């Protein structure tokens, strides 16, 4: 009798034919027994060779549980929900198509839930792999826009207003189904438009059920970041997408919540000018403007400009 599946990894992909194989390969070389996990790849209308790369990989690795299918509704929330609906295990793990998991990634996740029965959700560390190298203007306050995430140096429970990033998050499937998965009014990237915040909305709803969300820095993935793609337009799209998502999320709760968010964003904008001055006085002027632009762009998205 074969071992029951313990965890499902859902990878949603869009035009990442150049990287998706490495992501799938990292999940093939896991210390967890191959009979204990499955990987579901959801192609979200890619126009490159993503489908061929995925199908070729699966055909060459028949000793593992890999599945592939297409989701025509554009946006990460649609794709993640579709992948989760096909999962056959009690744990759901979401990973990006340009991420590379540590070899003990899945084993650590399964063990964590076995030793922490109160865990309703779990987030891990995301380490940027800059190609060819980290840009001079990158700072702690901007790196989250390219997927960098490190909440604590040790296992910790997320504070009420903190939560994991979607590209390295795990949840019990029963809870995922109970809260209805990701909010599809916050789809992520749709063409050139980004409406973000789906992870924040997801975990706030999960916390509303009384679930405890943990962070474990040993559960790690590396995230590929091509420095040449970090253009002004790209950074604007990501930052304004955060604000745009907050606009949708807060207005769903009420206008007063939305107005409070505007006040919060104005406060953060003021703080960014102080931080920019600090970087300049520290002899790091290249880091100053991106921090300020981040808060301006996020505010523009919040105000729908």
C-alpha atoms as a PDB file:
ATOM      1  CA  UNK A   1       0.000   0.000   0.000  1.00  0.00           C
ATOM      2  CA  UNK A   2       1.468   3.358  -1.040  1.00  0.00           C
ATOM      3  CA  UNK A   3       2.123   6.127   1.468  1.00  0.00           C
ATOM      4  CA  UNK A   4      -0.677   8.729   1.618  1.00  0.00           C
ATOM      5  CA  UNK A   5       0.100  12.178   0.263  1.00  0.00           C
ATOM      6  CA  UNK A   6       1.113  14.616   2.984  1.00  0.00           C
ATOM      7  CA  UNK A   7       1.500  17.851   1.057  1.00  0.00           C
ATOM      8  CA  UNK A   8       0.655  19.450  -2.297  1.00  0.00           C
ATOM      9  CA  UNK A   9       2.791  22.172  -3.867  1.00  0.00           C
ATOM     10  CA  UNK A  10       0.941  24.526  -6.216  1.00  0.00           C
ATOM     11  CA  UNK A  11       3.063  26.514  -8.674  1.00  0.00           C
ATOM     12  CA  UNK A  12       1.263  29.090 -10.788  1.00  0.00           C
ATOM     13  CA  UNK A  13       3.235  30.159 -13.830  1.00  0.00           C
ATOM     14  CA  UNK A  14       3.069  32.880 -16.452  1.00  0.00           C
ATOM     15  CA  UNK A  15       5.731  33.190 -19.159  1.00  0.00           C
ATOM     16  CA  UNK A  16       8.507  31.719 -17.030  1.00  0.00           C
ATOM     17  CA  UNK A  17       9.637  29.000 -19.414  1.00  0.00           C
ATOM     18  CA  UNK A  18      13.220  30.010 -18.702  1.00  0.00           C
ATOM     19  CA  UNK A  19      12.869  29.349 -14.948  1.00  0.00           C
ATOM     20  CA  UNK A  20       9.983  26.935 -14.346  1.00  0.00           C
ATOM     21  CA  UNK A  21      12.130  23.856 -14.950  1.00  0.00           C
ATOM     22  CA  UNK A  22      14.513  24.842 -12.147  1.00  0.00           C
ATOM     23  CA  UNK A  23      11.566  25.285  -9.797  1.00  0.00           C
ATOM     24  CA  UNK A  24      10.183  21.863 -10.693  1.00  0.00           C
ATOM     25  CA  UNK A  25      13.643  20.313 -10.474  1.00  0.00           C
ATOM     26  CA  UNK A  26      14.177  21.676  -6.956  1.00  0.00           C
ATOM     27  CA  UNK A  27      10.975  19.978  -5.862  1.00  0.00           C
ATOM     28  CA  UNK A  28      12.024  16.703  -7.473  1.00  0.00           C
ATOM     29  CA  UNK A  29      15.224  16.497  -5.401  1.00  0.00           C
ATOM     30  CA  UNK A  30      13.551  16.651  -1.997  1.00  0.00           C
ATOM     31  CA  UNK A  31      14.473  14.661   1.105  1.00  0.00           C
ATOM     32  CA  UNK A  32      10.778  13.900   1.608  1.00  0.00           C
ATOM     33  CA  UNK A  33       9.760  10.621  -0.038  1.00  0.00           C
ATOM     34  CA  UNK A  34       8.295  11.167  -3.512  1.00  0.00           C
ATOM     35  CA  UNK A  35       5.231   9.126  -2.543  1.00  0.00           C
ATOM     36  CA  UNK A  36       4.421  11.703   0.132  1.00  0.00           C
ATOM     37  CA  UNK A  37       3.927  14.804  -2.018  1.00  0.00           C
ATOM     38  CA  UNK A  38       2.547  16.064  -5.309  1.00  0.00           C
ATOM     39  CA  UNK A  39       3.325  19.116  -7.420  1.00  0.00           C
ATOM     40  CA  UNK A  40       0.586  20.851  -9.405  1.00  0.00           C
ATOM     41  CA  UNK A  41       1.692  23.374 -12.042  1.00  0.00           C
ATOM     42  CA  UNK A  42      -0.979  25.800 -13.250  1.00  0.00           C
ATOM     43  CA  UNK A  43      -0.194  27.614 -16.505  1.00  0.00           C
ATOM     44  CA  UNK A  44      -1.987  30.967 -16.477  1.00  0.00           C
ATOM     45  CA  UNK A  45      -2.144  31.759 -20.225  1.00  0.00           C
ATOM     46  CA  UNK A  46       1.590  31.765 -20.943  1.00  0.00           C
ATOM     47  CA  UNK A  47       2.578  32.688 -24.487  1.00  0.00           C
ATOM     48  CA  UNK A  48       6.144  31.363 -24.317  1.00  0.00           C
ATOM     49  CA  UNK A  49       7.327  27.732 -24.182  1.00  0.00           C
ATOM     50  CA  UNK A  50       6.156  27.137 -20.602  1.00  0.00           C
ATOM     51  CA  UNK A  51       3.750  24.352 -21.584  1.00  0.00           C
ATOM     52  CA  UNK A  52       6.397  22.425 -23.525  1.00  0.00           C
ATOM     53  CA  UNK A  53       8.954  22.788 -20.725  1.00  0.00           C
ATOM     54  CA  UNK A  54       6.491  21.535 -18.113  1.00  0.00           C
ATOM     55  CA  UNK A  55       5.208  18.632 -20.181  1.00  0.00           C
ATOM     56  CA  UNK A  56       8.743  17.536 -21.093  1.00  0.00           C
ATOM     57  CA  UNK A  57       9.796  17.615 -17.452  1.00  0.00           C
ATOM     58  CA  UNK A  58       6.805  15.585 -16.296  1.00  0.00           C
ATOM     59  CA  UNK A  59       7.337  13.007 -19.053  1.00  0.00           C
ATOM     60  CA  UNK A  60      10.955  12.556 -17.905  1.00  0.00           C
ATOM     61  CA  UNK A  61      10.102  12.249 -14.194  1.00  0.00           C
ATOM     62  CA  UNK A  62       7.334   9.680 -14.022  1.00  0.00           C
ATOM     63  CA  UNK A  63       8.492   8.420 -10.621  1.00  0.00           C
ATOM     64  CA  UNK A  64       7.118  11.579  -8.964  1.00  0.00           C
ATOM     65  CA  UNK A  65       3.610  13.014  -8.620  1.00  0.00           C
ATOM     66  CA  UNK A  66       3.546  15.956 -11.031  1.00  0.00           C
ATOM     67  CA  UNK A  67       0.451  17.355 -12.729  1.00  0.00           C
ATOM     68  CA  UNK A  68      -0.012  20.194 -15.204  1.00  0.00           C
ATOM     69  CA  UNK A  69      -3.031  22.087 -16.507  1.00  0.00           C
ATOM     70  CA  UNK A  70      -4.122  25.505 -17.786  1.00  0.00           C
ATOM     71  CA  UNK A  71      -6.220  28.202 -16.111  1.00  0.00           C
ATOM     72  CA  UNK A  72      -7.635  30.688 -18.615  1.00  0.00           C
ATOM     73  CA  UNK A  73      -8.829  33.291 -16.101  1.00  0.00           C
ATOM     74  CA  UNK A  74      -5.899  35.677 -15.765  1.00  0.00           C
ATOM     75  CA  UNK A  75      -4.468  36.348 -12.324  1.00  0.00           C
ATOM     76  CA  UNK A  76      -2.606  34.492  -9.597  1.00  0.00           C
ATOM     77  CA  UNK A  77      -5.653  34.216  -7.337  1.00  0.00           C
ATOM     78  CA  UNK A  78      -7.603  32.346 -10.033  1.00  0.00           C
ATOM     79  CA  UNK A  79      -4.645  30.080 -10.769  1.00  0.00           C
ATOM     80  CA  UNK A  80      -3.885  29.329  -7.119  1.00  0.00           C
ATOM     81  CA  UNK A  81      -7.513  28.528  -6.372  1.00  0.00           C
ATOM     82  CA  UNK A  82      -7.705  26.215  -9.386  1.00  0.00           C
ATOM     83  CA  UNK A  83      -4.546  24.385  -8.337  1.00  0.00           C
ATOM     84  CA  UNK A  84      -5.751  24.050  -4.747  1.00  0.00           C
ATOM     85  CA  UNK A  85      -9.060  22.573  -5.946  1.00  0.00           C
ATOM     86  CA  UNK A  86      -7.147  19.661  -7.484  1.00  0.00           C
ATOM     87  CA  UNK A  87      -4.959  19.015  -4.417  1.00  0.00           C
ATOM     88  CA  UNK A  88      -5.250  15.589  -2.799  1.00  0.00           C
ATOM     89  CA  UNK A  89      -3.388  16.172   0.453  1.00  0.00           C
ATOM     90  CA  UNK A  90      -4.146  17.869   3.806  1.00  0.00           C
ATOM     91  CA  UNK A  91      -1.470  20.552   3.380  1.00  0.00           C
ATOM     92  CA  UNK A  92      -1.262  23.172   0.618  1.00  0.00           C
ATOM     93  CA  UNK A  93       2.057  24.862  -0.199  1.00  0.00           C
ATOM     94  CA  UNK A  94       2.329  27.742  -2.682  1.00  0.00           C
ATOM     95  CA  UNK A  95       5.626  28.478  -4.410  1.00  0.00           C
ATOM     96  CA  UNK A  96       6.566  30.804  -7.278  1.00  0.00           C
ATOM     97  CA  UNK A  97       7.586  29.670 -10.750  1.00  0.00           C
ATOM     98  CA  UNK A  98      10.971  31.403 -10.460  1.00  0.00           C
ATOM     99  CA  UNK A  99      11.794  30.057  -6.999  1.00  0.00           C
ATOM    100  CA  UNK A 100      14.159  27.271  -5.980  1.00  0.00           C
ATOM    101  CA  UNK A 101      13.362  25.277  -2.851  1.00  0.00           C
ATOM    102  CA  UNK A 102      15.957  23.949  -0.417  1.00  0.00           C
ATOM    103  CA  UNK A 103      16.285  20.162  -0.610  1.00  0.00           C
ATOM    104  CA  UNK A 104      14.718  19.700   2.849  1.00  0.00           C
ATOM    105  CA  UNK A 105      11.954  22.233   2.154  1.00  0.00           C
ATOM    106  CA  UNK A 106       8.989  19.859   2.123  1.00  0.00           C
ATOM    107  CA  UNK A 107      10.318  17.609   4.880  1.00  0.00           C
ATOM    108  CA  UNK A 108      10.646  20.607   7.194  1.00  0.00           C
ATOM    109  CA  UNK A 109       7.115  21.780   6.385  1.00  0.00           C
ATOM    110  CA  UNK A 110       5.537  18.391   7.085  1.00  0.00           C
ATOM    111  CA  UNK A 111       7.513  18.025  10.318  1.00  0.00           C
ATOM    112  CA  UNK A 112       6.508  21.528  11.422  1.00  0.00           C
ATOM    113  CA  UNK A 113       2.808  20.768  11.180  1.00  0.00           C
ATOM    114  CA  UNK A 114       3.330  17.445  12.940  1.00  0.00           C
ATOM    115  CA  UNK A 115       5.087  19.151  15.864  1.00  0.00           C
ATOM    116  CA  UNK A 116       2.838  22.246  15.903  1.00  0.00           C
ATOM    117  CA  UNK A 117      -0.735  20.912  15.776  1.00  0.00           C
ATOM    118  CA  UNK A 118      -2.037  24.429  16.543  1.00  0.00           C
ATOM    119  CA  UNK A 119      -0.527  25.797  13.327  1.00  0.00           C
ATOM    120  CA  UNK A 120      -3.184  27.042  10.942  1.00  0.00           C
ATOM    121  CA  UNK A 121      -0.690  28.482   8.503  1.00  0.00           C
ATOM    122  CA  UNK A 122       3.025  28.790   7.951  1.00  0.00           C
ATOM    123  CA  UNK A 123       5.382  31.121   6.123  1.00  0.00           C
ATOM    124  CA  UNK A 124       9.051  30.760   5.295  1.00  0.00           C
ATOM    125  CA  UNK A 125      12.030  32.780   4.210  1.00  0.00           C
ATOM    126  CA  UNK A 126      12.430  34.093   0.650  1.00  0.00           C
ATOM    127  CA  UNK A 127      15.979  34.946  -0.385  1.00  0.00           C
ATOM    128  CA  UNK A 128      16.479  37.016  -3.556  1.00  0.00           C
ATOM    129  CA  UNK A 129      18.977  35.615  -6.057  1.00  0.00           C
ATOM    130  CA  UNK A 130      19.919  38.766  -7.942  1.00  0.00           C
ATOM    131  CA  UNK A 131      21.148  38.239 -11.512  1.00  0.00           C
ATOM    132  CA  UNK A 132      23.841  39.385 -12.078  1.00  0.00           C
ATOM    133  CA  UNK A 133      23.971  41.108  -8.661  1.00  0.00           C
ATOM    134  CA  UNK A 134      22.075  43.255  -6.173  1.00  0.00           C
ATOM    135  CA  UNK A 135      21.612  46.809  -7.499  1.00  0.00           C
ATOM    136  CA  UNK A 136      23.209  49.670  -5.602  1.00  0.00           C
ATOM    137  CA  UNK A 137      19.848  51.325  -4.932  1.00  0.00           C
ATOM    138  CA  UNK A 138      18.255  48.265  -3.308  1.00  0.00           C
ATOM    139  CA  UNK A 139      17.442  48.561   0.391  1.00  0.00           C
ATOM    140  CA  UNK A 140      15.578  46.626   3.063  1.00  0.00           C
ATOM    141  CA  UNK A 141      12.564  48.889   2.593  1.00  0.00           C
ATOM    142  CA  UNK A 142      12.295  48.259  -1.146  1.00  0.00           C
ATOM    143  CA  UNK A 143      13.457  44.629  -1.394  1.00  0.00           C
ATOM    144  CA  UNK A 144      10.010  43.336  -0.415  1.00  0.00           C
ATOM    145  CA  UNK A 145       8.832  44.533  -3.848  1.00  0.00           C
ATOM    146  CA  UNK A 146      11.081  41.893  -5.447  1.00  0.00           C
ATOM    147  CA  UNK A 147      10.002  39.113  -3.094  1.00  0.00           C
ATOM    148  CA  UNK A 148      12.567  39.328  -0.302  1.00  0.00           C
ATOM    149  CA  UNK A 149      11.057  38.162   2.994  1.00  0.00           C
ATOM    150  CA  UNK A 150      12.587  37.412   6.386  1.00  0.00           C
ATOM    151  CA  UNK A 151      10.336  37.967   9.407  1.00  0.00           C
ATOM    152  CA  UNK A 152      12.355  36.523  12.273  1.00  0.00           C
ATOM    153  CA  UNK A 153      15.642  34.731  12.986  1.00  0.00           C
ATOM    154  CA  UNK A 154      13.763  32.017  14.871  1.00  0.00           C
ATOM    155  CA  UNK A 155      10.385  30.305  14.795  1.00  0.00           C
ATOM    156  CA  UNK A 156       7.732  32.885  15.688  1.00  0.00           C
ATOM    157  CA  UNK A 157       4.013  33.571  15.540  1.00  0.00           C
ATOM    158  CA  UNK A 158       3.143  36.408  13.166  1.00  0.00           C
ATOM    159  CA  UNK A 159       1.940  39.595  14.844  1.00  0.00           C
ATOM    160  CA  UNK A 160      -1.733  40.458  14.210  1.00  0.00           C
ATOM    161  CA  UNK A 161      -0.917  42.780  11.282  1.00  0.00           C
ATOM    162  CA  UNK A 162       1.867  40.601   9.790  1.00  0.00           C
ATOM    163  CA  UNK A 163       1.595  37.625   7.456  1.00  0.00           C
ATOM    164  CA  UNK A 164       3.608  35.394   5.073  1.00  0.00           C
ATOM    165  CA  UNK A 165       4.194  36.169   1.411  1.00  0.00           C
ATOM    166  CA  UNK A 166       2.165  34.095  -1.038  1.00  0.00           C
ATOM    167  CA  UNK A 167       5.274  32.717  -2.754  1.00  0.00           C
ATOM    168  CA  UNK A 168       6.287  30.698   0.305  1.00  0.00           C
ATOM    169  CA  UNK A 169       3.184  29.952   2.318  1.00  0.00           C
ATOM    170  CA  UNK A 170       1.515  26.817   3.618  1.00  0.00           C
ATOM    171  CA  UNK A 171      -1.999  26.238   4.920  1.00  0.00           C
ATOM    172  CA  UNK A 172      -4.198  23.295   5.858  1.00  0.00           C
ATOM    173  CA  UNK A 173      -6.472  22.515   2.918  1.00  0.00           C
ATOM    174  CA  UNK A 174      -9.523  22.320   5.173  1.00  0.00           C
ATOM    175  CA  UNK A 175      -8.949  25.927   6.261  1.00  0.00           C
ATOM    176  CA  UNK A 176      -8.233  27.037   2.699  1.00  0.00           C
ATOM    177  CA  UNK A 177     -11.590  25.620   1.647  1.00  0.00           C
ATOM    178  CA  UNK A 178     -13.371  27.118   4.656  1.00  0.00           C
ATOM    179  CA  UNK A 179     -12.305  30.706   3.881  1.00  0.00           C
ATOM    180  CA  UNK A 180     -12.930  30.204   0.160  1.00  0.00           C
ATOM    181  CA  UNK A 181      -9.327  30.467  -0.996  1.00  0.00           C
ATOM    182  CA  UNK A 182      -7.880  33.631  -2.453  1.00  0.00           C
ATOM    183  CA  UNK A 183     -10.096  36.652  -3.043  1.00  0.00           C
ATOM    184  CA  UNK A 184     -10.515  36.798  -6.823  1.00  0.00           C
ATOM    185  CA  UNK A 185     -11.324  40.507  -6.643  1.00  0.00           C
ATOM    186  CA  UNK A 186      -7.577  40.742  -5.862  1.00  0.00           C
ATOM    187  CA  UNK A 187      -6.258  38.723  -8.801  1.00  0.00           C
ATOM    188  CA  UNK A 188      -2.623  39.852  -8.787  1.00  0.00           C
ATOM    189  CA  UNK A 189      -1.216  40.605 -12.239  1.00  0.00           C
ATOM    190  CA  UNK A 190      -3.682  40.925 -15.122  1.00  0.00           C
ATOM    191  CA  UNK A 191      -1.847  42.048 -18.254  1.00  0.00           C
ATOM    192  CA  UNK A 192       0.028  45.230 -17.322  1.00  0.00           C
ATOM    193  CA  UNK A 193      -2.292  45.961 -14.382  1.00  0.00           C
ATOM    194  CA  UNK A 194      -1.504  44.686 -10.901  1.00  0.00           C
ATOM    195  CA  UNK A 195      -4.103  44.475  -8.137  1.00  0.00           C
ATOM    196  CA  UNK A 196      -2.134  43.008  -5.268  1.00  0.00           C
ATOM    197  CA  UNK A 197      -2.727  42.308  -1.603  1.00  0.00           C
ATOM    198  CA  UNK A 198      -4.291  38.882  -2.113  1.00  0.00           C
ATOM    199  CA  UNK A 199      -1.976  37.331   0.479  1.00  0.00           C
ATOM    200  CA  UNK A 200      -2.740  39.966   3.100  1.00  0.00           C
ATOM    201  CA  UNK A 201      -6.474  39.581   2.552  1.00  0.00           C
ATOM    202  CA  UNK A 202      -6.130  35.772   2.648  1.00  0.00           C
ATOM    203  CA  UNK A 203      -4.277  35.640   5.962  1.00  0.00           C
ATOM    204  CA  UNK A 204      -6.441  38.278   7.631  1.00  0.00           C
ATOM    205  CA  UNK A 205      -9.474  36.130   6.845  1.00  0.00           C
ATOM    206  CA  UNK A 206      -7.647  33.058   8.126  1.00  0.00           C
ATOM    207  CA  UNK A 207      -6.726  34.861  11.352  1.00  0.00           C
ATOM    208  CA  UNK A 208     -10.376  35.882  11.735  1.00  0.00           C
ATOM    209  CA  UNK A 209     -11.100  32.159  12.180  1.00  0.00           C
ATOM    210  CA  UNK A 210      -8.719  32.182  15.125  1.00  0.00           C
ATOM    211  CA  UNK A 211      -5.920  30.339  13.346  1.00  0.00           C
ATOM    212  CA  UNK A 212      -2.313  30.747  14.479  1.00  0.00           C
ATOM    213  CA  UNK A 213       0.139  31.611  11.686  1.00  0.00           C
ATOM    214  CA  UNK A 214       3.798  30.743  12.199  1.00  0.00           C
ATOM    215  CA  UNK A 215       7.052  31.751  10.564  1.00  0.00           C
ATOM    216  CA  UNK A 216      10.023  29.387  10.285  1.00  0.00           C
ATOM    217  CA  UNK A 217      13.223  30.883   8.782  1.00  0.00           C
ATOM    218  CA  UNK A 218      14.553  27.385   8.013  1.00  0.00           C
ATOM    219  CA  UNK A 219      11.804  26.795   5.445  1.00  0.00           C
ATOM    220  CA  UNK A 220      13.511  28.560   2.567  1.00  0.00           C
ATOM    221  CA  UNK A 221      13.279  29.238  -1.117  1.00  0.00           C
ATOM    222  CA  UNK A 222      15.501  31.357  -3.320  1.00  0.00           C
ATOM    223  CA  UNK A 223      13.742  33.755  -5.665  1.00  0.00           C
ATOM    224  CA  UNK A 224      15.344  34.730  -8.973  1.00  0.00           C
ATOM    225  CA  UNK A 225      15.446  38.501  -9.564  1.00  0.00           C
ATOM    226  CA  UNK A 226      16.736  39.753 -12.914  1.00  0.00           C
ATOM    227  CA  UNK A 227      18.183  43.176 -12.128  1.00  0.00           C
ATOM    228  CA  UNK A 228      17.718  44.346 -15.733  1.00  0.00           C
ATOM    229  CA  UNK A 229      13.946  43.974 -15.351  1.00  0.00           C
ATOM    230  CA  UNK A 230      13.753  46.227 -12.282  1.00  0.00           C
ATOM    231  CA  UNK A 231      12.889  49.265 -14.382  1.00  0.00           C
ATOM    232  CA  UNK A 232      11.074  52.343 -13.125  1.00  0.00           C
ATOM    233  CA  UNK A 233       7.936  51.109 -14.870  1.00  0.00           C
ATOM    234  CA  UNK A 234       8.172  47.673 -13.234  1.00  0.00           C
ATOM    235  CA  UNK A 235       8.717  49.083  -9.734  1.00  0.00           C
ATOM    236  CA  UNK A 236       5.783  51.461 -10.231  1.00  0.00           C
ATOM    237  CA  UNK A 237       3.556  48.596 -11.328  1.00  0.00           C
ATOM    238  CA  UNK A 238       4.401  46.543  -8.228  1.00  0.00           C
ATOM    239  CA  UNK A 239       4.164  49.408  -5.715  1.00  0.00           C
ATOM    240  CA  UNK A 240       0.972  50.884  -7.159  1.00  0.00           C
ATOM    241  CA  UNK A 241      -0.458  47.360  -7.298  1.00  0.00           C
ATOM    242  CA  UNK A 242      -0.071  47.121  -3.531  1.00  0.00           C
ATOM    243  CA  UNK A 243      -2.009  50.349  -3.113  1.00  0.00           C
ATOM    244  CA  UNK A 244      -4.595  49.300  -5.673  1.00  0.00           C
ATOM    245  CA  UNK A 245      -5.166  46.044  -3.803  1.00  0.00           C
ATOM    246  CA  UNK A 246      -5.532  47.892  -0.498  1.00  0.00           C
ATOM    247  CA  UNK A 247      -8.132  50.134  -2.149  1.00  0.00           C
ATOM    248  CA  UNK A 248     -10.225  47.105  -3.131  1.00  0.00           C
ATOM    249  CA  UNK A 249      -9.714  45.316   0.194  1.00  0.00           C
ATOM    250  CA  UNK A 250     -10.524  48.297   2.444  1.00  0.00           C
ATOM    251  CA  UNK A 251     -13.511  49.513   0.414  1.00  0.00           C
ATOM    252  CA  UNK A 252     -14.982  46.017   0.759  1.00  0.00           C
ATOM    253  CA  UNK A 253     -14.914  46.641   4.514  1.00  0.00           C
ATOM    254  CA  UNK A 254     -16.247  50.199   4.442  1.00  0.00           C
ATOM    255  CA  UNK A 255     -15.345  53.769   3.510  1.00  0.00           C
ATOM    256  CA  UNK A 256     -14.030  54.633   6.976  1.00  0.00           C
ATOM    257  CA  UNK A 257     -11.513  51.783   6.756  1.00  0.00           C
ATOM    258  CA  UNK A 258     -10.446  53.135   3.361  1.00  0.00           C
ATOM    259  CA  UNK A 259      -9.994  56.673   4.721  1.00  0.00           C
ATOM    260  CA  UNK A 260      -7.904  55.330   7.613  1.00  0.00           C
ATOM    261  CA  UNK A 261      -5.693  53.568   5.070  1.00  0.00           C
ATOM    262  CA  UNK A 262      -5.167  56.878   3.221  1.00  0.00           C
ATOM    263  CA  UNK A 263      -4.017  58.483   6.485  1.00  0.00           C
ATOM    264  CA  UNK A 264      -1.687  55.541   7.127  1.00  0.00           C
ATOM    265  CA  UNK A 265      -0.186  55.821   3.636  1.00  0.00           C
ATOM    266  CA  UNK A 266       0.348  59.586   4.049  1.00  0.00           C
ATOM    267  CA  UNK A 267       2.162  58.925   7.316  1.00  0.00           C
ATOM    268  CA  UNK A 268       4.368  56.308   5.631  1.00  0.00           C
ATOM    269  CA  UNK A 269       5.098  58.741   2.798  1.00  0.00           C
ATOM    270  CA  UNK A 270       6.324  61.308   5.315  1.00  0.00           C
ATOM    271  CA  UNK A 271       8.457  58.660   6.998  1.00  0.00           C
ATOM    272  CA  UNK A 272       9.987  57.742   3.625  1.00  0.00           C
ATOM    273  CA  UNK A 273      11.332  61.295   3.198  1.00  0.00           C
ATOM    274  CA  UNK A 274      13.002  61.047   6.608  1.00  0.00           C
ATOM    275  CA  UNK A 275      14.429  57.667   5.663  1.00  0.00           C
ATOM    276  CA  UNK A 276      15.656  59.055   2.338  1.00  0.00           C
ATOM    277  CA  UNK A 277      17.445  61.856   4.179  1.00  0.00           C
ATOM    278  CA  UNK A 278      19.005  59.287   6.513  1.00  0.00           C
ATOM    279  CA  UNK A 279      20.365  57.263   3.576  1.00  0.00           C
ATOM    280  CA  UNK A 280      21.759  60.428   2.000  1.00  0.00           C
ATOM    281  CA  UNK A 281      23.527  61.467   5.198  1.00  0.00           C
ATOM    282  CA  UNK A 282      24.911  57.923   5.479  1.00  0.00           C
ATOM    283  CA  UNK A 283      26.571  58.367   2.088  1.00  0.00           C
ATOM    284  CA  UNK A 284      24.078  56.081   0.321  1.00  0.00           C
ATOM    285  CA  UNK A 285      22.077  58.537  -1.807  1.00  0.00           C
ATOM    286  CA  UNK A 286      21.214  55.879  -4.425  1.00  0.00           C
ATOM    287  CA  UNK A 287      18.949  54.199  -1.836  1.00  0.00           C
ATOM    288  CA  UNK A 288      17.018  57.359  -0.985  1.00  0.00           C
ATOM    289  CA  UNK A 289      14.804  57.992  -4.039  1.00  0.00           C
ATOM    290  CA  UNK A 290      13.512  54.396  -4.509  1.00  0.00           C
ATOM    291  CA  UNK A 291      12.183  54.388  -0.919  1.00  0.00           C
ATOM    292  CA  UNK A 292      10.295  57.633  -1.495  1.00  0.00           C
ATOM    293  CA  UNK A 293       9.038  56.521  -4.907  1.00  0.00           C
ATOM    294  CA  UNK A 294       7.725  53.288  -3.369  1.00  0.00           C
ATOM    295  CA  UNK A 295       5.461  55.191  -0.975  1.00  0.00           C
ATOM    296  CA  UNK A 296       4.358  57.718  -3.645  1.00  0.00           C
ATOM    297  CA  UNK A 297       3.499  54.922  -6.096  1.00  0.00           C
ATOM    298  CA  UNK A 298       1.626  52.934  -3.438  1.00  0.00           C
ATOM    299  CA  UNK A 299      -0.409  56.030  -2.546  1.00  0.00           C
ATOM    300  CA  UNK A 300      -1.222  56.603  -6.232  1.00  0.00           C
ATOM    301  CA  UNK A 301      -2.528  53.050  -6.466  1.00  0.00           C
ATOM    302  CA  UNK A 302      -4.599  53.498  -3.306  1.00  0.00           C
ATOM    303  CA  UNK A 303      -6.158  56.650  -4.733  1.00  0.00           C
ATOM    304  CA  UNK A 304      -6.624  54.922  -8.111  1.00  0.00           C
ATOM    305  CA  UNK A 305      -4.459  57.448  -9.985  1.00  0.00           C
END
